[in-house]
Amino acid sequence: MTDTKKRTTLGGVVPATITPFDAEERINADALRTLMTWNQSQGADSFFIGGSSAECFLLSPEERKEVFAIAAERRQEVYLIAHVGAISTREAEDYARCAARLGYDTIAATPPFYYGFGSREFCAYYRDIADATGMPVIIYNFPGNTGKHLDLANSEIIKLLRDGTILGVKHTNQEVYELERIKHINHPDEWLR
């Protein structure tokens, strides 16, 4: 436990937690708590819960929600981001509502993948998740795993990035130049300093 005041905005170093399991392949809640305590002792005041490092797409819906609940025990101490991405918008909304009930600060989602969703479906997915909870949303841009590239030239994507639906982008992509393009879309009159 930390004695510092809880961060109220996204910032700093945000560890992406893993999902620890016991010998019977059940979620090891004690190991997750120990890991979060150690991360906090090293200065972490925010956590990204349930993403790729946590093997989210290998977990059952119940296991994903269990991990959210364990991490939410720290909601008074740390800034929490729940990864709610799913192929189905309805499933992503369900995870988002769970995170909201548990007191998370922000939600993040990989885009819906596998099927050939276009830019309209992509944008509707993020808006629907945001509307389901009223929470800020982070696009989890991980084209190496999802096969979905963030098309920064597409007018619908640009509108989504500018209309207040999206808090930010978790950029897990080796195309680093995209960071400048994302910043330029959101702040066209500024240049990277």
N, C-alpha and C. Protein backbone atom coordinates (compact mmCIF):
# COMPACT_ATOMS: atom_id res chain seq x y z
N MET A 1 0.85 -1.18 0.00
CA MET A 1 0.00 0.00 0.00
C MET A 1 0.89 1.24 0.00
N THR A 2 0.42 2.24 -0.65
CA THR A 2 1.20 3.46 -0.73
C THR A 2 0.57 4.54 0.14
N ASP A 3 1.43 5.47 0.56
CA ASP A 3 0.95 6.59 1.37
C ASP A 3 0.69 7.83 0.51
N THR A 4 0.94 7.74 -0.78
CA THR A 4 0.77 8.89 -1.64
C THR A 4 -0.67 9.01 -2.11
N LYS A 5 -1.00 10.21 -2.57
CA LYS A 5 -2.34 10.47 -3.07
C LYS A 5 -2.53 9.77 -4.42
N LYS A 6 -3.72 9.27 -4.68
CA LYS A 6 -4.01 8.58 -5.93
C LYS A 6 -3.91 9.53 -7.11
N ARG A 7 -3.30 9.05 -8.17
CA ARG A 7 -3.24 9.79 -9.43
C ARG A 7 -4.65 9.91 -9.98
N THR A 8 -5.02 11.08 -10.47
CA THR A 8 -6.37 11.28 -11.01
C THR A 8 -6.39 11.42 -12.52
N THR A 9 -5.21 11.45 -13.14
CA THR A 9 -5.13 11.49 -14.59
C THR A 9 -4.13 10.44 -15.05
N LEU A 10 -4.27 10.04 -16.29
CA LEU A 10 -3.35 9.06 -16.86
C LEU A 10 -1.99 9.69 -17.04
N GLY A 11 -0.95 8.98 -16.64
CA GLY A 11 0.40 9.49 -16.80
C GLY A 11 1.40 8.58 -16.15
N GLY A 12 2.65 8.92 -16.29
CA GLY A 12 3.71 8.14 -15.67
C GLY A 12 3.91 6.80 -16.35
N VAL A 13 4.56 5.91 -15.64
CA VAL A 13 4.79 4.55 -16.12
C VAL A 13 3.59 3.71 -15.72
N VAL A 14 3.03 2.99 -16.69
CA VAL A 14 1.82 2.19 -16.45
C VAL A 14 2.14 0.73 -16.75
N PRO A 15 2.46 -0.08 -15.72
CA PRO A 15 2.76 -1.47 -15.98
C PRO A 15 1.55 -2.21 -16.56
N ALA A 16 1.84 -3.06 -17.53
CA ALA A 16 0.82 -3.96 -18.07
C ALA A 16 0.93 -5.26 -17.28
N THR A 17 -0.08 -5.54 -16.47
CA THR A 17 0.01 -6.69 -15.58
C THR A 17 -0.17 -8.01 -16.34
N ILE A 18 0.41 -9.03 -15.76
CA ILE A 18 0.21 -10.39 -16.26
C ILE A 18 -0.94 -11.02 -15.47
N THR A 19 -1.38 -12.18 -15.91
CA THR A 19 -2.37 -12.95 -15.15
C THR A 19 -1.67 -14.16 -14.58
N PRO A 20 -1.38 -14.16 -13.28
CA PRO A 20 -0.73 -15.32 -12.68
C PRO A 20 -1.73 -16.45 -12.43
N PHE A 21 -1.27 -17.66 -12.63
CA PHE A 21 -2.09 -18.85 -12.39
C PHE A 21 -1.41 -19.75 -11.37
N ASP A 22 -2.22 -20.56 -10.69
CA ASP A 22 -1.66 -21.54 -9.77
C ASP A 22 -1.46 -22.87 -10.50
N ALA A 23 -1.04 -23.89 -9.77
CA ALA A 23 -0.75 -25.20 -10.38
C ALA A 23 -1.99 -25.86 -10.97
N GLU A 24 -3.17 -25.46 -10.52
CA GLU A 24 -4.42 -26.02 -11.04
C GLU A 24 -5.01 -25.15 -12.17
N GLU A 25 -4.21 -24.21 -12.66
CA GLU A 25 -4.60 -23.30 -13.75
C GLU A 25 -5.78 -22.41 -13.37
N ARG A 26 -5.83 -22.03 -12.10
CA ARG A 26 -6.80 -21.03 -11.63
C ARG A 26 -6.05 -19.72 -11.43
N ILE A 27 -6.78 -18.62 -11.52
CA ILE A 27 -6.17 -17.31 -11.29
C ILE A 27 -5.57 -17.30 -9.88
N ASN A 28 -4.34 -16.87 -9.79
CA ASN A 28 -3.66 -16.79 -8.49
C ASN A 28 -3.77 -15.35 -7.99
N ALA A 29 -4.83 -15.11 -7.24
CA ALA A 29 -5.12 -13.76 -6.75
C ALA A 29 -4.00 -13.24 -5.86
N ASP A 30 -3.44 -14.08 -5.01
CA ASP A 30 -2.37 -13.64 -4.11
C ASP A 30 -1.14 -13.20 -4.90
N ALA A 31 -0.80 -13.94 -5.94
CA ALA A 31 0.35 -13.56 -6.76
C ALA A 31 0.11 -12.23 -7.47
N LEU A 32 -1.11 -12.01 -7.95
CA LEU A 32 -1.42 -10.73 -8.60
C LEU A 32 -1.31 -9.58 -7.59
N ARG A 33 -1.83 -9.79 -6.39
CA ARG A 33 -1.73 -8.75 -5.36
C ARG A 33 -0.26 -8.45 -5.02
N THR A 34 0.54 -9.51 -4.90
CA THR A 34 1.97 -9.36 -4.59
C THR A 34 2.68 -8.59 -5.70
N LEU A 35 2.37 -8.92 -6.95
CA LEU A 35 2.96 -8.23 -8.08
C LEU A 35 2.60 -6.75 -8.08
N MET A 36 1.34 -6.45 -7.82
CA MET A 36 0.92 -5.04 -7.80
C MET A 36 1.58 -4.29 -6.65
N THR A 37 1.70 -4.93 -5.50
CA THR A 37 2.39 -4.30 -4.36
C THR A 37 3.83 -3.99 -4.72
N TRP A 38 4.51 -4.95 -5.35
CA TRP A 38 5.90 -4.74 -5.73
C TRP A 38 5.99 -3.60 -6.74
N ASN A 39 5.12 -3.60 -7.75
CA ASN A 39 5.14 -2.52 -8.74
C ASN A 39 4.93 -1.16 -8.07
N GLN A 40 4.00 -1.10 -7.12
CA GLN A 40 3.77 0.16 -6.40
C GLN A 40 5.01 0.56 -5.61
N SER A 41 5.70 -0.41 -5.01
CA SER A 41 6.91 -0.09 -4.25
C SER A 41 8.01 0.46 -5.15
N GLN A 42 7.92 0.17 -6.44
CA GLN A 42 8.89 0.66 -7.41
C GLN A 42 8.44 1.97 -8.07
N GLY A 43 7.29 2.51 -7.63
CA GLY A 43 6.84 3.80 -8.10
C GLY A 43 5.64 3.79 -9.03
N ALA A 44 5.11 2.64 -9.35
CA ALA A 44 3.93 2.59 -10.23
C ALA A 44 2.73 3.15 -9.48
N ASP A 45 2.00 4.04 -10.15
CA ASP A 45 0.76 4.56 -9.55
C ASP A 45 -0.41 4.40 -10.50
N SER A 46 -0.20 3.63 -11.56
CA SER A 46 -1.23 3.32 -12.54
C SER A 46 -0.99 1.89 -13.02
N PHE A 47 -2.06 1.23 -13.46
CA PHE A 47 -1.93 -0.14 -13.97
C PHE A 47 -2.84 -0.36 -15.16
N PHE A 48 -2.33 -1.11 -16.14
CA PHE A 48 -3.10 -1.55 -17.31
C PHE A 48 -3.44 -3.01 -17.04
N ILE A 49 -4.73 -3.28 -16.83
CA ILE A 49 -5.18 -4.60 -16.40
C ILE A 49 -5.88 -5.33 -17.54
N GLY A 50 -5.51 -6.59 -17.74
CA GLY A 50 -6.24 -7.44 -18.67
C GLY A 50 -5.89 -7.28 -20.13
N GLY A 51 -4.68 -6.85 -20.44
CA GLY A 51 -4.29 -6.70 -21.83
C GLY A 51 -3.58 -7.93 -22.37
N SER A 52 -2.75 -7.73 -23.37
CA SER A 52 -2.05 -8.84 -24.01
C SER A 52 -1.11 -9.56 -23.05
N SER A 53 -0.39 -8.80 -22.22
CA SER A 53 0.51 -9.42 -21.25
C SER A 53 -0.25 -10.28 -20.26
N ALA A 54 -1.52 -9.98 -20.09
CA ALA A 54 -2.38 -10.75 -19.18
C ALA A 54 -3.07 -11.91 -19.90
N GLU A 55 -2.75 -12.10 -21.17
CA GLU A 55 -3.32 -13.19 -21.98
C GLU A 55 -4.85 -13.12 -22.05
N CYS A 56 -5.35 -11.89 -22.22
CA CYS A 56 -6.79 -11.65 -22.14
C CYS A 56 -7.62 -12.55 -23.03
N PHE A 57 -7.17 -12.80 -24.24
CA PHE A 57 -8.01 -13.57 -25.16
C PHE A 57 -7.93 -15.08 -24.92
N LEU A 58 -7.12 -15.50 -23.97
CA LEU A 58 -7.07 -16.90 -23.57
C LEU A 58 -7.89 -17.15 -22.31
N LEU A 59 -8.40 -16.07 -21.70
CA LEU A 59 -9.18 -16.19 -20.48
C LEU A 59 -10.66 -16.28 -20.79
N SER A 60 -11.39 -16.95 -19.92
CA SER A 60 -12.84 -16.97 -20.04
C SER A 60 -13.38 -15.61 -19.61
N PRO A 61 -14.62 -15.27 -19.98
CA PRO A 61 -15.19 -14.01 -19.49
C PRO A 61 -15.16 -13.91 -17.96
N GLU A 62 -15.43 -15.00 -17.28
CA GLU A 62 -15.42 -14.99 -15.82
C GLU A 62 -14.02 -14.70 -15.28
N GLU A 63 -12.99 -15.30 -15.93
CA GLU A 63 -11.62 -15.05 -15.49
C GLU A 63 -11.21 -13.60 -15.73
N ARG A 64 -11.60 -13.05 -16.87
CA ARG A 64 -11.26 -11.64 -17.14
C ARG A 64 -11.87 -10.74 -16.07
N LYS A 65 -13.13 -10.99 -15.72
CA LYS A 65 -13.79 -10.17 -14.70
C LYS A 65 -13.18 -10.40 -13.32
N GLU A 66 -12.74 -11.62 -13.05
CA GLU A 66 -12.09 -11.90 -11.76
C GLU A 66 -10.80 -11.09 -11.63
N VAL A 67 -10.00 -11.04 -12.69
CA VAL A 67 -8.77 -10.25 -12.67
C VAL A 67 -9.10 -8.77 -12.46
N PHE A 68 -10.14 -8.27 -13.16
CA PHE A 68 -10.56 -6.88 -12.94
C PHE A 68 -10.88 -6.64 -11.46
N ALA A 69 -11.60 -7.58 -10.86
CA ALA A 69 -12.03 -7.41 -9.46
C ALA A 69 -10.84 -7.42 -8.51
N ILE A 70 -9.89 -8.30 -8.73
CA ILE A 70 -8.72 -8.37 -7.85
C ILE A 70 -7.94 -7.05 -7.91
N ALA A 71 -7.68 -6.58 -9.13
CA ALA A 71 -6.93 -5.33 -9.28
C ALA A 71 -7.71 -4.14 -8.72
N ALA A 72 -9.03 -4.19 -8.82
CA ALA A 72 -9.87 -3.08 -8.34
C ALA A 72 -9.81 -2.91 -6.83
N GLU A 73 -9.27 -3.87 -6.12
CA GLU A 73 -9.08 -3.71 -4.68
C GLU A 73 -8.18 -2.50 -4.39
N ARG A 74 -7.41 -2.07 -5.39
CA ARG A 74 -6.48 -0.94 -5.24
C ARG A 74 -7.02 0.35 -5.83
N ARG A 75 -8.28 0.38 -6.18
CA ARG A 75 -8.83 1.56 -6.89
C ARG A 75 -8.70 2.85 -6.11
N GLN A 76 -8.58 2.79 -4.79
CA GLN A 76 -8.40 4.01 -4.00
C GLN A 76 -6.95 4.48 -3.99
N GLU A 77 -6.03 3.63 -4.47
CA GLU A 77 -4.60 3.94 -4.43
C GLU A 77 -4.00 4.27 -5.78
N VAL A 78 -4.51 3.64 -6.85
CA VAL A 78 -3.86 3.74 -8.15
C VAL A 78 -4.88 4.05 -9.25
N TYR A 79 -4.39 4.54 -10.36
CA TYR A 79 -5.19 4.79 -11.55
C TYR A 79 -5.29 3.47 -12.30
N LEU A 80 -6.51 3.03 -12.59
CA LEU A 80 -6.71 1.72 -13.21
C LEU A 80 -7.31 1.83 -14.61
N ILE A 81 -6.69 1.10 -15.53
CA ILE A 81 -7.19 0.99 -16.90
C ILE A 81 -7.53 -0.47 -17.13
N ALA A 82 -8.76 -0.74 -17.55
CA ALA A 82 -9.19 -2.11 -17.85
C ALA A 82 -9.23 -2.30 -19.35
N HIS A 83 -8.50 -3.31 -19.82
CA HIS A 83 -8.60 -3.65 -21.25
C HIS A 83 -9.86 -4.50 -21.43
N VAL A 84 -10.79 -4.00 -22.25
CA VAL A 84 -12.10 -4.65 -22.44
C VAL A 84 -12.29 -5.14 -23.87
N GLY A 85 -11.25 -5.11 -24.66
CA GLY A 85 -11.36 -5.47 -26.07
C GLY A 85 -11.89 -6.87 -26.29
N ALA A 86 -12.70 -7.00 -27.34
CA ALA A 86 -13.28 -8.29 -27.73
C ALA A 86 -13.68 -8.19 -29.20
N ILE A 87 -13.93 -9.32 -29.82
CA ILE A 87 -14.40 -9.29 -31.20
C ILE A 87 -15.82 -8.75 -31.25
N SER A 88 -16.62 -9.10 -30.27
CA SER A 88 -18.01 -8.68 -30.20
C SER A 88 -18.14 -7.38 -29.42
N THR A 89 -18.85 -6.41 -30.00
CA THR A 89 -19.10 -5.16 -29.29
C THR A 89 -19.86 -5.42 -28.00
N ARG A 90 -20.84 -6.30 -28.05
CA ARG A 90 -21.64 -6.62 -26.86
C ARG A 90 -20.75 -7.15 -25.73
N GLU A 91 -19.79 -8.01 -26.06
CA GLU A 91 -18.89 -8.55 -25.04
C GLU A 91 -17.98 -7.45 -24.49
N ALA A 92 -17.46 -6.60 -25.37
CA ALA A 92 -16.61 -5.48 -24.92
C ALA A 92 -17.40 -4.54 -24.01
N GLU A 93 -18.65 -4.27 -24.37
CA GLU A 93 -19.50 -3.42 -23.51
C GLU A 93 -19.72 -4.06 -22.14
N ASP A 94 -19.90 -5.38 -22.12
CA ASP A 94 -20.10 -6.08 -20.85
C ASP A 94 -18.87 -5.95 -19.95
N TYR A 95 -17.68 -6.14 -20.53
CA TYR A 95 -16.45 -5.96 -19.75
C TYR A 95 -16.31 -4.51 -19.28
N ALA A 96 -16.67 -3.57 -20.15
CA ALA A 96 -16.57 -2.15 -19.79
C ALA A 96 -17.51 -1.82 -18.63
N ARG A 97 -18.72 -2.33 -18.67
CA ARG A 97 -19.65 -2.09 -17.56
C ARG A 97 -19.12 -2.70 -16.26
N CYS A 98 -18.52 -3.87 -16.35
CA CYS A 98 -17.92 -4.51 -15.17
C CYS A 98 -16.83 -3.61 -14.61
N ALA A 99 -15.95 -3.11 -15.47
CA ALA A 99 -14.87 -2.23 -15.02
C ALA A 99 -15.43 -0.96 -14.38
N ALA A 100 -16.47 -0.42 -14.96
CA ALA A 100 -17.09 0.80 -14.41
C ALA A 100 -17.65 0.52 -13.02
N ARG A 101 -18.35 -0.60 -12.86
CA ARG A 101 -18.91 -0.97 -11.55
C ARG A 101 -17.81 -1.13 -10.50
N LEU A 102 -16.66 -1.62 -10.94
CA LEU A 102 -15.55 -1.87 -10.02
C LEU A 102 -14.73 -0.61 -9.70
N GLY A 103 -15.03 0.50 -10.36
CA GLY A 103 -14.36 1.75 -10.05
C GLY A 103 -13.13 2.06 -10.88
N TYR A 104 -12.98 1.44 -12.04
CA TYR A 104 -11.85 1.75 -12.91
C TYR A 104 -11.94 3.19 -13.41
N ASP A 105 -10.80 3.76 -13.75
CA ASP A 105 -10.73 5.14 -14.21
C ASP A 105 -10.92 5.26 -15.71
N THR A 106 -10.45 4.30 -16.44
CA THR A 106 -10.43 4.35 -17.90
C THR A 106 -10.55 2.93 -18.43
N ILE A 107 -11.06 2.83 -19.66
CA ILE A 107 -11.07 1.53 -20.33
C ILE A 107 -10.26 1.64 -21.61
N ALA A 108 -9.73 0.52 -22.04
CA ALA A 108 -8.98 0.43 -23.29
C ALA A 108 -9.50 -0.77 -24.05
N ALA A 109 -9.35 -0.73 -25.35
CA ALA A 109 -9.81 -1.86 -26.15
C ALA A 109 -9.02 -1.99 -27.43
N THR A 110 -8.60 -3.22 -27.70
CA THR A 110 -8.10 -3.52 -29.04
C THR A 110 -9.29 -3.39 -29.98
N PRO A 111 -9.03 -3.14 -31.25
CA PRO A 111 -10.15 -3.08 -32.19
C PRO A 111 -10.73 -4.48 -32.40
N PRO A 112 -11.98 -4.56 -32.86
CA PRO A 112 -12.52 -5.88 -33.17
C PRO A 112 -11.73 -6.47 -34.34
N PHE A 113 -11.30 -7.70 -34.20
CA PHE A 113 -10.46 -8.30 -35.23
C PHE A 113 -11.09 -9.59 -35.75
N TYR A 114 -10.38 -10.25 -36.58
CA TYR A 114 -10.74 -11.51 -37.23
C TYR A 114 -11.65 -11.29 -38.43
N TYR A 115 -12.78 -10.67 -38.22
CA TYR A 115 -13.67 -10.38 -39.35
C TYR A 115 -13.20 -9.09 -40.01
N GLY A 116 -13.59 -8.87 -41.23
CA GLY A 116 -13.10 -7.73 -41.99
C GLY A 116 -13.81 -6.43 -41.69
N PHE A 117 -13.81 -6.02 -40.43
CA PHE A 117 -14.48 -4.78 -40.05
C PHE A 117 -13.83 -3.58 -40.73
N GLY A 118 -14.65 -2.70 -41.25
CA GLY A 118 -14.16 -1.48 -41.87
C GLY A 118 -14.11 -0.33 -40.88
N SER A 119 -13.79 0.85 -41.39
CA SER A 119 -13.62 2.01 -40.51
C SER A 119 -14.91 2.39 -39.81
N ARG A 120 -16.06 2.25 -40.46
CA ARG A 120 -17.33 2.59 -39.79
C ARG A 120 -17.58 1.68 -38.60
N GLU A 121 -17.36 0.38 -38.78
CA GLU A 121 -17.56 -0.57 -37.67
C GLU A 121 -16.52 -0.32 -36.56
N PHE A 122 -15.29 -0.04 -36.98
CA PHE A 122 -14.22 0.26 -36.04
C PHE A 122 -14.61 1.43 -35.14
N CYS A 123 -15.05 2.52 -35.75
CA CYS A 123 -15.43 3.72 -34.99
C CYS A 123 -16.68 3.48 -34.13
N ALA A 124 -17.66 2.77 -34.70
CA ALA A 124 -18.88 2.48 -33.94
C ALA A 124 -18.57 1.64 -32.71
N TYR A 125 -17.66 0.70 -32.83
CA TYR A 125 -17.23 -0.15 -31.71
C TYR A 125 -16.74 0.71 -30.54
N TYR A 126 -15.84 1.65 -30.82
CA TYR A 126 -15.30 2.49 -29.75
C TYR A 126 -16.36 3.44 -29.18
N ARG A 127 -17.19 3.98 -30.04
CA ARG A 127 -18.25 4.87 -29.54
C ARG A 127 -19.25 4.09 -28.69
N ASP A 128 -19.59 2.88 -29.11
CA ASP A 128 -20.53 2.06 -28.33
C ASP A 128 -19.96 1.70 -26.96
N ILE A 129 -18.68 1.38 -26.90
CA ILE A 129 -18.04 1.06 -25.62
C ILE A 129 -18.07 2.31 -24.72
N ALA A 130 -17.74 3.45 -25.28
CA ALA A 130 -17.75 4.70 -24.50
C ALA A 130 -19.17 5.01 -24.02
N ASP A 131 -20.15 4.85 -24.90
CA ASP A 131 -21.54 5.14 -24.53
C ASP A 131 -22.06 4.18 -23.46
N ALA A 132 -21.55 2.95 -23.45
CA ALA A 132 -22.02 1.95 -22.48
C ALA A 132 -21.67 2.35 -21.05
N THR A 133 -20.62 3.15 -20.88
CA THR A 133 -20.16 3.47 -19.52
C THR A 133 -19.97 4.96 -19.26
N GLY A 134 -19.80 5.74 -20.30
CA GLY A 134 -19.45 7.14 -20.11
C GLY A 134 -18.00 7.33 -19.70
N MET A 135 -17.21 6.27 -19.77
CA MET A 135 -15.80 6.34 -19.36
C MET A 135 -14.91 6.72 -20.53
N PRO A 136 -13.74 7.32 -20.23
CA PRO A 136 -12.77 7.58 -21.29
C PRO A 136 -12.27 6.26 -21.88
N VAL A 137 -11.97 6.28 -23.18
CA VAL A 137 -11.54 5.07 -23.88
C VAL A 137 -10.18 5.30 -24.53
N ILE A 138 -9.34 4.28 -24.42
CA ILE A 138 -8.04 4.27 -25.07
C ILE A 138 -8.07 3.22 -26.18
N ILE A 139 -7.67 3.61 -27.37
CA ILE A 139 -7.52 2.63 -28.45
C ILE A 139 -6.23 1.86 -28.19
N TYR A 140 -6.33 0.55 -28.15
CA TYR A 140 -5.16 -0.30 -27.97
C TYR A 140 -4.71 -0.72 -29.37
N ASN A 141 -3.79 0.03 -29.93
CA ASN A 141 -3.32 -0.16 -31.29
C ASN A 141 -2.20 -1.19 -31.30
N PHE A 142 -2.52 -2.42 -31.68
CA PHE A 142 -1.57 -3.53 -31.67
C PHE A 142 -1.74 -4.33 -32.95
N PRO A 143 -1.41 -3.72 -34.10
CA PRO A 143 -1.66 -4.39 -35.38
C PRO A 143 -0.89 -5.69 -35.57
N GLY A 144 0.24 -5.84 -34.90
CA GLY A 144 1.00 -7.08 -35.01
C GLY A 144 0.21 -8.29 -34.51
N ASN A 145 -0.67 -8.08 -33.55
CA ASN A 145 -1.49 -9.17 -33.02
C ASN A 145 -2.92 -9.16 -33.54
N THR A 146 -3.47 -7.99 -33.78
CA THR A 146 -4.87 -7.93 -34.20
C THR A 146 -5.04 -7.94 -35.72
N GLY A 147 -3.98 -7.57 -36.44
CA GLY A 147 -4.08 -7.47 -37.89
C GLY A 147 -4.86 -6.24 -38.33
N LYS A 148 -5.23 -5.38 -37.40
CA LYS A 148 -5.99 -4.15 -37.70
C LYS A 148 -5.07 -2.95 -37.53
N HIS A 149 -4.85 -2.24 -38.63
CA HIS A 149 -4.01 -1.04 -38.59
C HIS A 149 -4.88 0.18 -38.33
N LEU A 150 -4.37 1.10 -37.56
CA LEU A 150 -5.04 2.36 -37.29
C LEU A 150 -4.80 3.27 -38.50
N ASP A 151 -5.81 3.39 -39.35
CA ASP A 151 -5.69 4.13 -40.61
C ASP A 151 -5.81 5.62 -40.32
N LEU A 152 -4.67 6.27 -40.15
CA LEU A 152 -4.65 7.67 -39.75
C LEU A 152 -4.93 8.63 -40.90
N ALA A 153 -5.18 8.10 -42.10
CA ALA A 153 -5.59 8.93 -43.23
C ALA A 153 -7.10 8.86 -43.45
N ASN A 154 -7.78 7.97 -42.74
CA ASN A 154 -9.21 7.77 -42.92
C ASN A 154 -9.99 8.87 -42.18
N SER A 155 -10.90 9.53 -42.87
CA SER A 155 -11.62 10.66 -42.28
C SER A 155 -12.47 10.24 -41.08
N GLU A 156 -13.01 9.03 -41.10
CA GLU A 156 -13.82 8.57 -39.96
C GLU A 156 -12.96 8.33 -38.73
N ILE A 157 -11.77 7.78 -38.93
CA ILE A 157 -10.83 7.56 -37.82
C ILE A 157 -10.37 8.91 -37.27
N ILE A 158 -10.06 9.84 -38.15
CA ILE A 158 -9.64 11.18 -37.71
C ILE A 158 -10.75 11.82 -36.87
N LYS A 159 -11.99 11.72 -37.33
CA LYS A 159 -13.11 12.29 -36.57
C LYS A 159 -13.22 11.62 -35.20
N LEU A 160 -13.07 10.29 -35.14
CA LEU A 160 -13.13 9.57 -33.86
C LEU A 160 -12.04 10.09 -32.91
N LEU A 161 -10.84 10.28 -33.43
CA LEU A 161 -9.74 10.74 -32.58
C LEU A 161 -9.93 12.18 -32.11
N ARG A 162 -10.75 12.94 -32.81
CA ARG A 162 -10.94 14.35 -32.45
C ARG A 162 -12.23 14.65 -31.71
N ASP A 163 -13.20 13.73 -31.68
CA ASP A 163 -14.54 14.08 -31.17
C ASP A 163 -14.73 13.91 -29.66
N GLY A 164 -13.66 13.56 -28.94
CA GLY A 164 -13.77 13.43 -27.49
C GLY A 164 -14.05 12.03 -27.00
N THR A 165 -14.30 11.09 -27.91
CA THR A 165 -14.55 9.70 -27.51
C THR A 165 -13.28 9.05 -26.97
N ILE A 166 -12.16 9.37 -27.59
CA ILE A 166 -10.90 8.69 -27.32
C ILE A 166 -9.99 9.55 -26.45
N LEU A 167 -9.55 8.97 -25.33
CA LEU A 167 -8.62 9.65 -24.43
C LEU A 167 -7.20 9.60 -24.99
N GLY A 168 -6.85 8.47 -25.60
CA GLY A 168 -5.50 8.30 -26.11
C GLY A 168 -5.36 7.00 -26.87
N VAL A 169 -4.13 6.71 -27.25
CA VAL A 169 -3.81 5.50 -28.00
C VAL A 169 -2.68 4.79 -27.30
N LYS A 170 -2.88 3.52 -26.97
CA LYS A 170 -1.79 2.67 -26.47
C LYS A 170 -1.12 2.11 -27.72
N HIS A 171 0.02 2.66 -28.04
CA HIS A 171 0.68 2.40 -29.32
C HIS A 171 1.66 1.24 -29.18
N THR A 172 1.22 0.05 -29.51
CA THR A 172 2.07 -1.13 -29.47
C THR A 172 2.35 -1.52 -30.92
N ASN A 173 3.23 -0.75 -31.52
CA ASN A 173 3.48 -0.87 -32.95
C ASN A 173 4.89 -0.36 -33.21
N GLN A 174 5.60 -1.03 -34.11
CA GLN A 174 6.97 -0.61 -34.41
C GLN A 174 7.03 0.57 -35.36
N GLU A 175 5.91 0.98 -35.89
CA GLU A 175 5.88 2.14 -36.78
C GLU A 175 5.78 3.41 -35.93
N VAL A 176 6.92 3.82 -35.41
CA VAL A 176 7.00 4.90 -34.44
C VAL A 176 6.53 6.23 -35.04
N TYR A 177 6.70 6.43 -36.35
CA TYR A 177 6.28 7.68 -36.96
C TYR A 177 4.79 7.93 -36.75
N GLU A 178 4.01 6.87 -36.50
CA GLU A 178 2.58 7.04 -36.27
C GLU A 178 2.30 7.89 -35.03
N LEU A 179 3.21 7.88 -34.08
CA LEU A 179 3.01 8.71 -32.88
C LEU A 179 2.91 10.19 -33.25
N GLU A 180 3.78 10.63 -34.16
CA GLU A 180 3.72 12.02 -34.60
C GLU A 180 2.41 12.29 -35.34
N ARG A 181 1.97 11.35 -36.16
CA ARG A 181 0.73 11.53 -36.91
C ARG A 181 -0.47 11.59 -35.96
N ILE A 182 -0.49 10.75 -34.93
CA ILE A 182 -1.58 10.77 -33.94
C ILE A 182 -1.60 12.12 -33.23
N LYS A 183 -0.43 12.58 -32.81
CA LYS A 183 -0.36 13.88 -32.13
C LYS A 183 -0.82 14.99 -33.07
N HIS A 184 -0.43 14.95 -34.31
CA HIS A 184 -0.82 15.99 -35.27
C HIS A 184 -2.34 15.99 -35.51
N ILE A 185 -2.95 14.81 -35.52
CA ILE A 185 -4.41 14.74 -35.69
C ILE A 185 -5.11 15.43 -34.52
N ASN A 186 -4.63 15.19 -33.32
CA ASN A 186 -5.27 15.77 -32.14
C ASN A 186 -4.86 17.22 -31.88
N HIS A 187 -3.69 17.62 -32.34
CA HIS A 187 -3.17 18.98 -32.12
C HIS A 187 -2.53 19.46 -33.42
N PRO A 188 -3.33 19.76 -34.44
CA PRO A 188 -2.77 20.09 -35.75
C PRO A 188 -1.90 21.34 -35.78
N ASP A 189 -2.03 22.20 -34.80
CA ASP A 189 -1.24 23.44 -34.80
C ASP A 189 0.06 23.31 -34.01
N GLU A 190 0.28 22.15 -33.42
CA GLU A 190 1.50 21.94 -32.64
C GLU A 190 2.42 20.96 -33.37
N TRP A 191 3.68 21.09 -33.14
CA TRP A 191 4.65 20.12 -33.63
C TRP A 191 5.31 19.47 -32.43
N LEU A 192 5.75 18.25 -32.60
CA LEU A 192 6.47 17.59 -31.50
C LEU A 192 7.67 18.44 -31.12
N ARG A 193 7.85 18.60 -29.86
CA ARG A 193 8.97 19.41 -29.38
C ARG A 193 10.10 18.50 -28.97
